[in-house]
Amino acid sequence: MRSNGLQLLHRDPDPRPGFGRAKQALQPLLYYLLLLAGLVWLISTHRLLSSLLFLIILVVHRPRFGWRRGILSLVLWGLFYASSVAPFDITFINYPGPPRFVRLIVGLPSPQGALLLMQHEAVWAGCMRHGNEPKWVWVW
């Protein structure tokens, strides 16, 4: 039997048997592992900006996505991990004046820090240090 050129174009590009099925089986597993790792990281960082990015990732990142969503998903995961170690974050604290970045004070404030707190130029984060607190927070 003679084959024509069209049949050659429609062949599976990967000659390894079962590779496509293994890829389809591992993709959802990788999806849930990434989400679990992201959730554990989010709980340990206590960052609001990272929480918002994680919610966006939940909407965009799906087990069966095309290559464009895959690239967007990788960019969002990178932004998520970068925002969890960035020196800035956002907060829902309402301070008088325009929206701006103010210093974050952790622990017992010094006399200069207390003055900044009274002038609404700093936010007090309490006494417990987590190890990756931001230096600046966005208030409005």
N, C-alpha and C. Protein backbone atom coordinates (compact mmCIF):
# COMPACT_ATOMS: atom_id res chain seq x y z
N MET A 1 0.84 -1.17 0.00
CA MET A 1 0.00 0.00 0.00
C MET A 1 0.88 1.23 0.00
N ARG A 2 0.52 2.17 -0.80
CA ARG A 2 1.31 3.36 -0.97
C ARG A 2 0.78 4.48 -0.08
N SER A 3 1.66 5.20 0.62
CA SER A 3 1.22 6.33 1.44
C SER A 3 1.53 7.63 0.71
N ASN A 4 0.63 8.55 0.86
CA ASN A 4 0.89 9.84 0.23
C ASN A 4 1.49 10.81 1.26
N GLY A 5 1.87 11.98 0.81
CA GLY A 5 2.54 12.96 1.66
C GLY A 5 1.65 13.52 2.76
N LEU A 6 0.33 13.53 2.58
CA LEU A 6 -0.56 14.07 3.60
C LEU A 6 -0.57 13.21 4.85
N GLN A 7 -0.47 11.92 4.69
CA GLN A 7 -0.44 11.05 5.87
C GLN A 7 0.83 11.26 6.67
N LEU A 8 1.91 11.57 6.02
CA LEU A 8 3.16 11.82 6.73
C LEU A 8 3.09 13.11 7.55
N LEU A 9 2.32 14.08 7.07
CA LEU A 9 2.20 15.34 7.80
C LEU A 9 1.36 15.20 9.06
N HIS A 10 0.46 14.24 9.09
CA HIS A 10 -0.45 14.07 10.23
C HIS A 10 0.04 13.04 11.23
N ARG A 11 1.25 12.59 11.10
CA ARG A 11 1.80 11.64 12.07
C ARG A 11 2.14 12.33 13.36
N ASP A 12 2.21 11.57 14.42
CA ASP A 12 2.60 12.09 15.73
C ASP A 12 4.06 12.54 15.64
N PRO A 13 4.38 13.80 16.01
CA PRO A 13 5.76 14.27 15.89
C PRO A 13 6.70 13.58 16.88
N ASP A 14 6.19 13.00 17.93
CA ASP A 14 7.04 12.33 18.91
C ASP A 14 6.94 10.82 18.69
N PRO A 15 8.02 10.18 18.24
CA PRO A 15 7.95 8.74 17.95
C PRO A 15 7.92 7.87 19.20
N ARG A 16 8.14 8.43 20.38
CA ARG A 16 8.14 7.62 21.60
C ARG A 16 6.70 7.23 21.96
N PRO A 17 6.40 5.97 22.12
CA PRO A 17 5.02 5.56 22.41
C PRO A 17 4.63 5.92 23.85
N GLY A 18 3.44 6.43 24.01
CA GLY A 18 2.92 6.71 25.33
C GLY A 18 3.37 8.04 25.93
N PHE A 19 4.21 8.80 25.23
CA PHE A 19 4.69 10.06 25.78
C PHE A 19 3.56 11.07 25.94
N GLY A 20 2.66 11.10 24.97
CA GLY A 20 1.54 12.04 25.04
C GLY A 20 0.62 11.75 26.22
N ARG A 21 0.36 10.46 26.46
CA ARG A 21 -0.50 10.09 27.59
C ARG A 21 0.18 10.39 28.92
N ALA A 22 1.48 10.14 29.00
CA ALA A 22 2.20 10.43 30.24
C ALA A 22 2.21 11.93 30.51
N LYS A 23 2.37 12.72 29.47
CA LYS A 23 2.34 14.18 29.62
C LYS A 23 0.96 14.65 30.09
N GLN A 24 -0.08 14.07 29.54
CA GLN A 24 -1.44 14.44 29.95
C GLN A 24 -1.71 14.03 31.39
N ALA A 25 -1.13 12.94 31.84
CA ALA A 25 -1.34 12.48 33.21
C ALA A 25 -0.53 13.31 34.21
N LEU A 26 0.66 13.73 33.83
CA LEU A 26 1.53 14.47 34.75
C LEU A 26 1.18 15.96 34.84
N GLN A 27 0.54 16.51 33.82
CA GLN A 27 0.23 17.94 33.83
C GLN A 27 -0.71 18.33 34.97
N PRO A 28 -1.82 17.62 35.24
CA PRO A 28 -2.64 17.98 36.40
C PRO A 28 -1.91 17.78 37.73
N LEU A 29 -1.06 16.75 37.80
CA LEU A 29 -0.29 16.53 39.03
C LEU A 29 0.65 17.70 39.29
N LEU A 30 1.32 18.17 38.25
CA LEU A 30 2.19 19.33 38.38
C LEU A 30 1.40 20.57 38.78
N TYR A 31 0.21 20.71 38.23
CA TYR A 31 -0.68 21.84 38.56
C TYR A 31 -0.98 21.86 40.06
N TYR A 32 -1.38 20.72 40.60
CA TYR A 32 -1.74 20.68 42.02
C TYR A 32 -0.51 20.80 42.92
N LEU A 33 0.63 20.29 42.50
CA LEU A 33 1.86 20.46 43.28
C LEU A 33 2.28 21.92 43.32
N LEU A 34 2.17 22.61 42.18
CA LEU A 34 2.49 24.04 42.15
C LEU A 34 1.56 24.84 43.06
N LEU A 35 0.27 24.52 43.02
CA LEU A 35 -0.68 25.23 43.88
C LEU A 35 -0.42 24.96 45.35
N LEU A 36 -0.10 23.72 45.69
CA LEU A 36 0.20 23.39 47.09
C LEU A 36 1.46 24.10 47.55
N ALA A 37 2.50 24.10 46.73
CA ALA A 37 3.74 24.80 47.10
C ALA A 37 3.50 26.30 47.23
N GLY A 38 2.70 26.87 46.33
CA GLY A 38 2.37 28.29 46.41
C GLY A 38 1.56 28.61 47.66
N LEU A 39 0.64 27.75 48.03
CA LEU A 39 -0.17 27.97 49.22
C LEU A 39 0.67 27.90 50.49
N VAL A 40 1.58 26.94 50.56
CA VAL A 40 2.47 26.83 51.72
C VAL A 40 3.36 28.06 51.81
N TRP A 41 3.88 28.50 50.67
CA TRP A 41 4.73 29.70 50.65
C TRP A 41 3.92 30.93 51.06
N LEU A 42 2.68 31.03 50.60
CA LEU A 42 1.84 32.18 50.93
C LEU A 42 1.53 32.23 52.42
N ILE A 43 1.25 31.10 53.02
CA ILE A 43 0.95 31.07 54.45
C ILE A 43 2.18 31.47 55.26
N SER A 44 3.36 31.13 54.79
CA SER A 44 4.56 31.45 55.55
C SER A 44 5.02 32.89 55.36
N THR A 45 4.59 33.58 54.30
CA THR A 45 5.10 34.93 54.06
C THR A 45 4.23 36.04 54.63
N HIS A 46 2.94 35.84 54.76
CA HIS A 46 2.02 36.86 55.30
C HIS A 46 2.06 38.15 54.48
N ARG A 47 1.95 38.05 53.19
CA ARG A 47 1.99 39.22 52.31
C ARG A 47 0.66 39.38 51.59
N LEU A 48 0.11 40.59 51.57
CA LEU A 48 -1.17 40.84 50.93
C LEU A 48 -1.04 40.88 49.41
N LEU A 49 0.03 41.47 48.90
CA LEU A 49 0.24 41.52 47.46
C LEU A 49 0.39 40.11 46.89
N SER A 50 1.09 39.25 47.60
CA SER A 50 1.23 37.85 47.16
C SER A 50 -0.12 37.14 47.19
N SER A 51 -0.96 37.46 48.16
CA SER A 51 -2.29 36.84 48.23
C SER A 51 -3.13 37.21 47.02
N LEU A 52 -3.07 38.47 46.61
CA LEU A 52 -3.83 38.91 45.44
C LEU A 52 -3.30 38.24 44.17
N LEU A 53 -2.00 38.13 44.04
CA LEU A 53 -1.43 37.44 42.88
C LEU A 53 -1.78 35.95 42.88
N PHE A 54 -1.86 35.34 44.05
CA PHE A 54 -2.23 33.93 44.13
C PHE A 54 -3.67 33.73 43.65
N LEU A 55 -4.56 34.65 43.98
CA LEU A 55 -5.94 34.54 43.50
C LEU A 55 -6.00 34.68 41.98
N ILE A 56 -5.18 35.57 41.41
CA ILE A 56 -5.14 35.70 39.95
C ILE A 56 -4.59 34.43 39.32
N ILE A 57 -3.60 33.82 39.95
CA ILE A 57 -3.04 32.57 39.44
C ILE A 57 -4.09 31.47 39.45
N LEU A 58 -4.94 31.43 40.49
CA LEU A 58 -5.99 30.41 40.53
C LEU A 58 -6.94 30.53 39.36
N VAL A 59 -7.18 31.77 38.90
CA VAL A 59 -8.08 31.98 37.78
C VAL A 59 -7.41 31.63 36.46
N VAL A 60 -6.15 32.02 36.30
CA VAL A 60 -5.46 31.85 35.01
C VAL A 60 -4.88 30.46 34.83
N HIS A 61 -4.29 29.92 35.86
CA HIS A 61 -3.54 28.66 35.75
C HIS A 61 -4.50 27.47 35.83
N ARG A 62 -4.60 26.73 34.78
CA ARG A 62 -5.48 25.57 34.70
C ARG A 62 -4.67 24.35 34.27
N PRO A 63 -5.15 23.14 34.57
CA PRO A 63 -4.41 21.95 34.15
C PRO A 63 -4.29 21.80 32.63
N ARG A 64 -5.27 22.25 31.89
CA ARG A 64 -5.22 22.12 30.43
C ARG A 64 -5.28 23.51 29.82
N PHE A 65 -4.12 24.11 29.64
CA PHE A 65 -4.07 25.44 29.05
C PHE A 65 -3.18 25.41 27.82
N GLY A 66 -3.38 26.37 26.95
CA GLY A 66 -2.56 26.48 25.76
C GLY A 66 -1.21 27.09 26.11
N TRP A 67 -0.36 27.23 25.11
CA TRP A 67 0.99 27.73 25.38
C TRP A 67 0.96 29.18 25.81
N ARG A 68 0.00 29.97 25.36
CA ARG A 68 -0.05 31.37 25.78
C ARG A 68 -0.42 31.49 27.25
N ARG A 69 -1.38 30.71 27.68
CA ARG A 69 -1.71 30.71 29.10
C ARG A 69 -0.57 30.13 29.92
N GLY A 70 0.17 29.22 29.35
CA GLY A 70 1.32 28.65 30.04
C GLY A 70 2.38 29.70 30.30
N ILE A 71 2.64 30.54 29.32
CA ILE A 71 3.62 31.61 29.50
C ILE A 71 3.11 32.62 30.51
N LEU A 72 1.83 32.99 30.42
CA LEU A 72 1.25 33.92 31.39
C LEU A 72 1.29 33.33 32.79
N SER A 73 1.04 32.05 32.89
CA SER A 73 1.09 31.39 34.19
C SER A 73 2.50 31.43 34.78
N LEU A 74 3.51 31.17 33.97
CA LEU A 74 4.89 31.23 34.45
C LEU A 74 5.27 32.65 34.90
N VAL A 75 4.82 33.65 34.16
CA VAL A 75 5.09 35.04 34.54
C VAL A 75 4.41 35.36 35.87
N LEU A 76 3.16 34.92 36.04
CA LEU A 76 2.45 35.18 37.30
C LEU A 76 3.09 34.46 38.47
N TRP A 77 3.55 33.21 38.27
CA TRP A 77 4.24 32.51 39.35
C TRP A 77 5.53 33.24 39.73
N GLY A 78 6.25 33.74 38.73
CA GLY A 78 7.45 34.51 39.02
C GLY A 78 7.16 35.78 39.80
N LEU A 79 6.10 36.49 39.40
CA LEU A 79 5.69 37.70 40.13
C LEU A 79 5.25 37.35 41.55
N PHE A 80 4.58 36.21 41.71
CA PHE A 80 4.13 35.79 43.03
C PHE A 80 5.31 35.60 43.97
N TYR A 81 6.30 34.84 43.53
CA TYR A 81 7.47 34.59 44.39
C TYR A 81 8.31 35.85 44.58
N ALA A 82 8.39 36.70 43.55
CA ALA A 82 9.14 37.95 43.70
C ALA A 82 8.44 38.90 44.66
N SER A 83 7.11 38.94 44.64
CA SER A 83 6.39 39.84 45.54
C SER A 83 6.45 39.37 46.99
N SER A 84 6.72 38.11 47.20
CA SER A 84 6.79 37.61 48.57
C SER A 84 8.12 37.94 49.24
N VAL A 85 9.12 38.35 48.49
CA VAL A 85 10.39 38.76 49.07
C VAL A 85 10.73 40.21 48.76
N ALA A 86 9.83 40.93 48.12
CA ALA A 86 10.08 42.34 47.76
C ALA A 86 10.10 43.22 49.02
N PRO A 87 10.79 44.36 48.97
CA PRO A 87 10.85 45.24 50.14
C PRO A 87 9.61 46.11 50.31
N PHE A 88 8.54 45.84 49.56
CA PHE A 88 7.31 46.62 49.69
C PHE A 88 6.12 45.68 49.65
N ASP A 89 4.99 46.17 50.18
CA ASP A 89 3.74 45.42 50.18
C ASP A 89 2.60 46.41 50.22
N ILE A 90 1.38 45.92 50.18
CA ILE A 90 0.21 46.79 50.29
C ILE A 90 -0.52 46.45 51.58
N THR A 91 -1.33 47.37 52.04
CA THR A 91 -2.11 47.16 53.25
C THR A 91 -3.46 47.85 53.10
N PHE A 92 -4.40 47.45 53.92
CA PHE A 92 -5.72 48.07 53.89
C PHE A 92 -5.87 49.18 54.92
N ILE A 93 -4.78 49.62 55.52
CA ILE A 93 -4.84 50.66 56.53
C ILE A 93 -5.17 51.99 55.87
N ASN A 94 -6.13 52.69 56.43
CA ASN A 94 -6.56 53.97 55.90
C ASN A 94 -5.87 55.08 56.67
N TYR A 95 -4.95 55.76 56.03
CA TYR A 95 -4.24 56.89 56.65
C TYR A 95 -4.71 58.17 55.99
N PRO A 96 -4.72 59.27 56.74
CA PRO A 96 -5.09 60.54 56.13
C PRO A 96 -4.06 60.96 55.09
N GLY A 97 -4.55 61.60 54.06
CA GLY A 97 -3.65 62.04 53.00
C GLY A 97 -3.78 61.17 51.77
N PRO A 98 -2.98 61.46 50.77
CA PRO A 98 -3.05 60.68 49.53
C PRO A 98 -2.46 59.29 49.72
N PRO A 99 -2.77 58.35 48.82
CA PRO A 99 -2.14 57.04 48.88
C PRO A 99 -0.62 57.18 48.69
N ARG A 100 0.14 56.43 49.51
CA ARG A 100 1.59 56.58 49.47
C ARG A 100 2.24 55.39 50.16
N PHE A 101 3.55 55.30 50.00
CA PHE A 101 4.33 54.31 50.72
C PHE A 101 4.80 54.91 52.03
N VAL A 102 4.67 54.13 53.11
CA VAL A 102 5.18 54.54 54.42
C VAL A 102 6.04 53.41 54.98
N ARG A 103 6.87 53.73 55.93
CA ARG A 103 7.76 52.73 56.54
C ARG A 103 6.96 51.75 57.40
N LEU A 104 7.45 50.55 57.51
CA LEU A 104 6.87 49.54 58.38
C LEU A 104 7.80 49.34 59.56
N ILE A 105 7.28 49.51 60.75
CA ILE A 105 8.06 49.35 61.97
C ILE A 105 7.63 48.07 62.66
N VAL A 106 8.61 47.20 62.95
CA VAL A 106 8.35 45.93 63.63
C VAL A 106 9.10 45.98 64.95
N GLY A 107 8.43 45.58 66.02
CA GLY A 107 9.05 45.60 67.34
C GLY A 107 8.73 46.91 68.06
N LEU A 108 9.41 47.13 69.16
CA LEU A 108 9.21 48.34 69.94
C LEU A 108 9.79 49.53 69.19
N PRO A 109 8.96 50.54 68.86
CA PRO A 109 9.49 51.66 68.09
C PRO A 109 10.43 52.53 68.93
N SER A 110 11.44 53.04 68.27
CA SER A 110 12.36 53.98 68.90
C SER A 110 11.64 55.33 69.04
N PRO A 111 12.23 56.32 69.71
CA PRO A 111 11.59 57.64 69.78
C PRO A 111 11.36 58.24 68.39
N GLN A 112 12.29 58.03 67.46
CA GLN A 112 12.08 58.53 66.09
C GLN A 112 10.94 57.77 65.40
N GLY A 113 10.87 56.46 65.65
CA GLY A 113 9.79 55.66 65.09
C GLY A 113 8.44 56.03 65.66
N ALA A 114 8.38 56.34 66.96
CA ALA A 114 7.13 56.78 67.57
C ALA A 114 6.68 58.10 66.98
N LEU A 115 7.64 58.99 66.70
CA LEU A 115 7.29 60.26 66.06
C LEU A 115 6.74 60.03 64.66
N LEU A 116 7.34 59.12 63.91
CA LEU A 116 6.81 58.78 62.58
C LEU A 116 5.42 58.18 62.67
N LEU A 117 5.17 57.37 63.69
CA LEU A 117 3.83 56.78 63.87
C LEU A 117 2.80 57.86 64.18
N MET A 118 3.17 58.83 65.01
CA MET A 118 2.22 59.89 65.34
C MET A 118 1.94 60.80 64.15
N GLN A 119 2.90 60.96 63.26
CA GLN A 119 2.72 61.80 62.08
C GLN A 119 2.14 61.03 60.90
N HIS A 120 1.75 59.78 61.11
CA HIS A 120 1.19 58.90 60.07
C HIS A 120 2.16 58.72 58.91
N GLU A 121 3.44 58.62 59.21
CA GLU A 121 4.46 58.36 58.21
C GLU A 121 5.05 56.96 58.35
N ALA A 122 4.46 56.16 59.23
CA ALA A 122 4.91 54.78 59.44
C ALA A 122 3.73 53.95 59.93
N VAL A 123 3.84 52.64 59.75
CA VAL A 123 2.84 51.69 60.21
C VAL A 123 3.53 50.75 61.18
N TRP A 124 2.88 50.47 62.30
CA TRP A 124 3.44 49.55 63.27
C TRP A 124 2.89 48.16 62.99
N ALA A 125 3.76 47.16 62.84
CA ALA A 125 3.36 45.80 62.49
C ALA A 125 3.29 44.88 63.69
N GLY A 126 3.50 45.39 64.88
CA GLY A 126 3.46 44.54 66.06
C GLY A 126 4.85 44.14 66.49
N CYS A 127 4.93 43.21 67.42
CA CYS A 127 6.21 42.83 68.00
C CYS A 127 6.81 41.57 67.38
N MET A 128 6.01 40.77 66.70
CA MET A 128 6.51 39.50 66.17
C MET A 128 7.17 39.71 64.80
N ARG A 129 8.36 39.21 64.66
CA ARG A 129 9.10 39.30 63.40
C ARG A 129 9.03 37.94 62.71
N HIS A 130 8.68 37.95 61.42
CA HIS A 130 8.58 36.70 60.64
C HIS A 130 9.85 36.45 59.85
N GLY A 131 10.66 37.44 59.66
CA GLY A 131 11.91 37.27 58.95
C GLY A 131 11.92 37.84 57.55
N ASN A 132 10.77 38.05 56.96
CA ASN A 132 10.73 38.61 55.60
C ASN A 132 9.72 39.76 55.50
N GLU A 133 9.71 40.60 56.51
CA GLU A 133 8.79 41.74 56.49
C GLU A 133 9.23 42.76 55.45
N PRO A 134 8.28 43.45 54.85
CA PRO A 134 8.67 44.51 53.91
C PRO A 134 9.16 45.74 54.68
N LYS A 135 9.90 46.58 54.01
CA LYS A 135 10.37 47.81 54.64
C LYS A 135 9.36 48.94 54.44
N TRP A 136 8.59 48.85 53.36
CA TRP A 136 7.61 49.89 53.02
C TRP A 136 6.26 49.22 52.74
N VAL A 137 5.16 49.90 53.09
CA VAL A 137 3.81 49.42 52.77
C VAL A 137 3.03 50.56 52.13
N TRP A 138 2.13 50.19 51.25
CA TRP A 138 1.26 51.15 50.55
C TRP A 138 0.00 51.35 51.39
N VAL A 139 -0.28 52.58 51.78
CA VAL A 139 -1.48 52.90 52.56
C VAL A 139 -2.35 53.84 51.74
N TRP A 140 -3.64 53.87 52.03
CA TRP A 140 -4.56 54.80 51.38
C TRP A 140 -5.55 55.33 52.33
